[in-house]
Amino acid sequence: MDHIQGETAPVMSLKDWVISVLISFIPIVGFIMLLVWAFSDSANPNKKNWAKATLIIFAAFFVLYLIFAFLFMGAIMSSAGLESMG
């Protein structure tokens, strides 16, 4: 079996993780930084994978938010339409 031999990524320290998470909490800057970390060739592979996973989770929650928003607005519009006819 062939093993890929190469350099391993340096371990991110606790301080690096705390700073990364805090930066990701900043509303617009955090999203941009997640994109940079996820698709940068120079980013630590651990941070790169974490950023990709975080973006996937954000996308899933955004889709769920849209579904519930449309359902809620549909219910509001439906009930408002029925009341105005009666």
N, C-alpha and C. Protein backbone atom coordinates (compact mmCIF):
# COMPACT_ATOMS: atom_id res chain seq x y z
N MET A 1 0.85 -1.17 0.00
CA MET A 1 0.00 0.00 0.00
C MET A 1 0.90 1.24 0.00
N ASP A 2 0.58 2.16 -0.89
CA ASP A 2 1.37 3.39 -0.95
C ASP A 2 0.93 4.37 0.12
N HIS A 3 1.90 4.91 0.80
CA HIS A 3 1.63 5.94 1.79
C HIS A 3 2.13 7.26 1.25
N ILE A 4 1.31 8.27 1.41
CA ILE A 4 1.72 9.60 0.99
C ILE A 4 2.64 10.16 2.05
N GLN A 5 3.83 10.49 1.64
CA GLN A 5 4.78 11.04 2.59
C GLN A 5 4.91 12.53 2.31
N GLY A 6 4.82 13.27 3.33
CA GLY A 6 4.94 14.72 3.21
C GLY A 6 4.99 15.33 4.59
N GLU A 7 5.01 16.61 4.59
CA GLU A 7 5.05 17.31 5.86
C GLU A 7 3.67 17.31 6.49
N THR A 8 3.64 17.21 7.79
CA THR A 8 2.38 17.32 8.50
C THR A 8 2.16 18.77 8.90
N ALA A 9 0.91 19.14 9.01
CA ALA A 9 0.58 20.53 9.37
C ALA A 9 0.92 20.76 10.83
N PRO A 10 1.37 21.95 11.15
CA PRO A 10 1.64 22.25 12.56
C PRO A 10 0.33 22.26 13.35
N VAL A 11 0.42 21.82 14.58
CA VAL A 11 -0.76 21.79 15.45
C VAL A 11 -1.13 23.22 15.81
N MET A 12 -2.42 23.52 15.69
CA MET A 12 -2.89 24.86 16.08
C MET A 12 -3.01 24.90 17.59
N SER A 13 -2.50 25.95 18.17
CA SER A 13 -2.56 26.09 19.62
C SER A 13 -3.96 26.52 20.06
N LEU A 14 -4.21 26.44 21.34
CA LEU A 14 -5.48 26.86 21.90
C LEU A 14 -5.72 28.34 21.58
N LYS A 15 -4.68 29.14 21.68
CA LYS A 15 -4.79 30.57 21.38
C LYS A 15 -5.19 30.79 19.92
N ASP A 16 -4.61 30.03 19.00
CA ASP A 16 -4.97 30.14 17.58
C ASP A 16 -6.44 29.81 17.36
N TRP A 17 -6.93 28.76 18.02
CA TRP A 17 -8.33 28.38 17.87
C TRP A 17 -9.26 29.45 18.45
N VAL A 18 -8.93 29.96 19.62
CA VAL A 18 -9.77 30.99 20.25
C VAL A 18 -9.84 32.23 19.35
N ILE A 19 -8.71 32.65 18.83
CA ILE A 19 -8.69 33.82 17.94
C ILE A 19 -9.50 33.54 16.67
N SER A 20 -9.35 32.37 16.10
CA SER A 20 -10.10 32.02 14.89
C SER A 20 -11.60 32.03 15.14
N VAL A 21 -12.02 31.45 16.25
CA VAL A 21 -13.45 31.39 16.56
C VAL A 21 -13.98 32.80 16.84
N LEU A 22 -13.23 33.60 17.58
CA LEU A 22 -13.68 34.97 17.86
C LEU A 22 -13.79 35.79 16.58
N ILE A 23 -12.86 35.63 15.67
CA ILE A 23 -12.93 36.35 14.39
C ILE A 23 -14.16 35.89 13.60
N SER A 24 -14.45 34.59 13.65
CA SER A 24 -15.59 34.08 12.89
C SER A 24 -16.92 34.58 13.45
N PHE A 25 -16.95 35.05 14.70
CA PHE A 25 -18.18 35.57 15.31
C PHE A 25 -18.52 36.98 14.84
N ILE A 26 -17.56 37.70 14.27
CA ILE A 26 -17.82 39.06 13.80
C ILE A 26 -18.69 38.95 12.54
N PRO A 27 -19.85 39.62 12.51
CA PRO A 27 -20.84 39.35 11.47
C PRO A 27 -20.34 39.28 10.03
N ILE A 28 -19.86 40.31 9.42
CA ILE A 28 -19.48 40.26 8.00
C ILE A 28 -18.03 39.82 7.85
N VAL A 29 -17.17 40.35 8.69
CA VAL A 29 -15.75 40.01 8.64
C VAL A 29 -15.54 38.52 8.88
N GLY A 30 -16.28 37.95 9.80
CA GLY A 30 -16.15 36.54 10.11
C GLY A 30 -16.49 35.65 8.94
N PHE A 31 -17.57 36.01 8.22
CA PHE A 31 -17.96 35.23 7.04
C PHE A 31 -16.89 35.31 5.96
N ILE A 32 -16.37 36.51 5.75
CA ILE A 32 -15.31 36.69 4.74
C ILE A 32 -14.07 35.90 5.14
N MET A 33 -13.71 35.94 6.41
CA MET A 33 -12.53 35.20 6.87
C MET A 33 -12.74 33.69 6.74
N LEU A 34 -13.95 33.22 7.00
CA LEU A 34 -14.21 31.79 6.80
C LEU A 34 -14.01 31.39 5.35
N LEU A 35 -14.45 32.25 4.42
CA LEU A 35 -14.23 31.97 3.01
C LEU A 35 -12.74 31.97 2.68
N VAL A 36 -12.00 32.94 3.23
CA VAL A 36 -10.56 33.01 2.98
C VAL A 36 -9.86 31.77 3.53
N TRP A 37 -10.18 31.41 4.76
CA TRP A 37 -9.54 30.24 5.37
C TRP A 37 -9.92 28.96 4.64
N ALA A 38 -11.16 28.85 4.20
CA ALA A 38 -11.63 27.62 3.57
C ALA A 38 -11.00 27.38 2.21
N PHE A 39 -10.73 28.45 1.47
CA PHE A 39 -10.27 28.29 0.10
C PHE A 39 -8.85 28.78 -0.15
N SER A 40 -8.14 29.11 0.92
CA SER A 40 -6.75 29.56 0.79
C SER A 40 -5.82 28.36 0.75
N ASP A 41 -4.81 28.43 -0.10
CA ASP A 41 -3.82 27.36 -0.16
C ASP A 41 -2.81 27.44 0.98
N SER A 42 -2.69 28.62 1.58
CA SER A 42 -1.68 28.80 2.62
C SER A 42 -2.22 28.58 4.03
N ALA A 43 -3.52 28.39 4.18
CA ALA A 43 -4.11 28.20 5.51
C ALA A 43 -3.74 26.83 6.07
N ASN A 44 -3.67 26.76 7.37
CA ASN A 44 -3.44 25.49 8.05
C ASN A 44 -4.57 24.52 7.66
N PRO A 45 -4.26 23.28 7.29
CA PRO A 45 -5.30 22.34 6.86
C PRO A 45 -6.38 22.10 7.92
N ASN A 46 -5.99 22.18 9.19
CA ASN A 46 -6.99 22.01 10.25
C ASN A 46 -7.98 23.17 10.24
N LYS A 47 -7.47 24.39 10.12
CA LYS A 47 -8.33 25.57 10.06
C LYS A 47 -9.15 25.56 8.77
N LYS A 48 -8.55 25.09 7.70
CA LYS A 48 -9.23 25.02 6.41
C LYS A 48 -10.44 24.09 6.50
N ASN A 49 -10.26 22.92 7.06
CA ASN A 49 -11.37 21.97 7.21
C ASN A 49 -12.43 22.51 8.16
N TRP A 50 -12.01 23.14 9.25
CA TRP A 50 -12.96 23.74 10.20
C TRP A 50 -13.78 24.83 9.53
N ALA A 51 -13.14 25.66 8.73
CA ALA A 51 -13.83 26.75 8.04
C ALA A 51 -14.84 26.18 7.04
N LYS A 52 -14.45 25.14 6.30
CA LYS A 52 -15.38 24.52 5.35
C LYS A 52 -16.58 23.92 6.07
N ALA A 53 -16.34 23.24 7.18
CA ALA A 53 -17.43 22.64 7.95
C ALA A 53 -18.35 23.73 8.50
N THR A 54 -17.79 24.82 8.98
CA THR A 54 -18.59 25.92 9.51
C THR A 54 -19.44 26.55 8.41
N LEU A 55 -18.88 26.72 7.22
CA LEU A 55 -19.65 27.27 6.10
C LEU A 55 -20.78 26.34 5.69
N ILE A 56 -20.54 25.04 5.72
CA ILE A 56 -21.60 24.08 5.40
C ILE A 56 -22.73 24.16 6.42
N ILE A 57 -22.38 24.26 7.69
CA ILE A 57 -23.39 24.37 8.74
C ILE A 57 -24.16 25.68 8.59
N PHE A 58 -23.46 26.79 8.32
CA PHE A 58 -24.13 28.07 8.07
C PHE A 58 -25.11 27.95 6.91
N ALA A 59 -24.70 27.31 5.83
CA ALA A 59 -25.57 27.16 4.66
C ALA A 59 -26.81 26.34 5.01
N ALA A 60 -26.64 25.27 5.78
CA ALA A 60 -27.77 24.44 6.17
C ALA A 60 -28.75 25.23 7.02
N PHE A 61 -28.25 26.00 7.98
CA PHE A 61 -29.13 26.81 8.82
C PHE A 61 -29.81 27.92 8.01
N PHE A 62 -29.11 28.47 7.03
CA PHE A 62 -29.71 29.50 6.19
C PHE A 62 -30.86 28.93 5.37
N VAL A 63 -30.68 27.73 4.83
CA VAL A 63 -31.76 27.07 4.07
C VAL A 63 -32.95 26.79 4.98
N LEU A 64 -32.69 26.28 6.19
CA LEU A 64 -33.78 26.04 7.14
C LEU A 64 -34.49 27.33 7.50
N TYR A 65 -33.72 28.41 7.69
CA TYR A 65 -34.30 29.72 8.00
C TYR A 65 -35.24 30.15 6.87
N LEU A 66 -34.80 30.01 5.62
CA LEU A 66 -35.63 30.40 4.49
C LEU A 66 -36.91 29.57 4.42
N ILE A 67 -36.80 28.28 4.65
CA ILE A 67 -37.99 27.41 4.63
C ILE A 67 -38.99 27.85 5.68
N PHE A 68 -38.53 28.06 6.91
CA PHE A 68 -39.44 28.48 7.98
C PHE A 68 -39.98 29.88 7.74
N ALA A 69 -39.18 30.77 7.18
CA ALA A 69 -39.65 32.13 6.89
C ALA A 69 -40.76 32.09 5.86
N PHE A 70 -40.59 31.30 4.79
CA PHE A 70 -41.63 31.20 3.77
C PHE A 70 -42.89 30.55 4.34
N LEU A 71 -42.74 29.53 5.17
CA LEU A 71 -43.90 28.90 5.78
C LEU A 71 -44.63 29.87 6.69
N PHE A 72 -43.89 30.61 7.48
CA PHE A 72 -44.48 31.57 8.40
C PHE A 72 -45.19 32.68 7.63
N MET A 73 -44.52 33.22 6.60
CA MET A 73 -45.15 34.28 5.81
C MET A 73 -46.37 33.76 5.07
N GLY A 74 -46.32 32.53 4.61
CA GLY A 74 -47.48 31.93 3.95
C GLY A 74 -48.65 31.80 4.91
N ALA A 75 -48.37 31.39 6.13
CA ALA A 75 -49.43 31.28 7.14
C ALA A 75 -50.00 32.65 7.47
N ILE A 76 -49.16 33.65 7.58
CA ILE A 76 -49.63 35.01 7.87
C ILE A 76 -50.50 35.51 6.72
N MET A 77 -50.02 35.35 5.49
CA MET A 77 -50.77 35.82 4.32
C MET A 77 -52.10 35.07 4.19
N SER A 78 -52.07 33.78 4.48
CA SER A 78 -53.28 32.98 4.37
C SER A 78 -54.32 33.41 5.40
N SER A 79 -53.87 33.61 6.64
CA SER A 79 -54.83 34.01 7.67
C SER A 79 -55.31 35.44 7.45
N ALA A 80 -54.48 36.31 6.94
CA ALA A 80 -54.89 37.69 6.65
C ALA A 80 -55.89 37.71 5.50
N GLY A 81 -55.70 36.86 4.53
CA GLY A 81 -56.62 36.78 3.40
C GLY A 81 -57.98 36.26 3.80
N LEU A 82 -58.04 35.30 4.70
CA LEU A 82 -59.32 34.75 5.15
C LEU A 82 -60.08 35.73 6.00
N GLU A 83 -59.40 36.50 6.83
CA GLU A 83 -60.07 37.47 7.69
C GLU A 83 -60.68 38.61 6.89
N SER A 84 -59.98 39.03 5.83
CA SER A 84 -60.47 40.17 5.05
C SER A 84 -61.69 39.80 4.22
N MET A 85 -61.88 38.52 3.92
CA MET A 85 -63.02 38.10 3.13
C MET A 85 -64.27 37.96 4.00
N GLY A 86 -64.10 37.78 5.29
CA GLY A 86 -65.24 37.53 6.15
C GLY A 86 -65.77 38.76 6.72
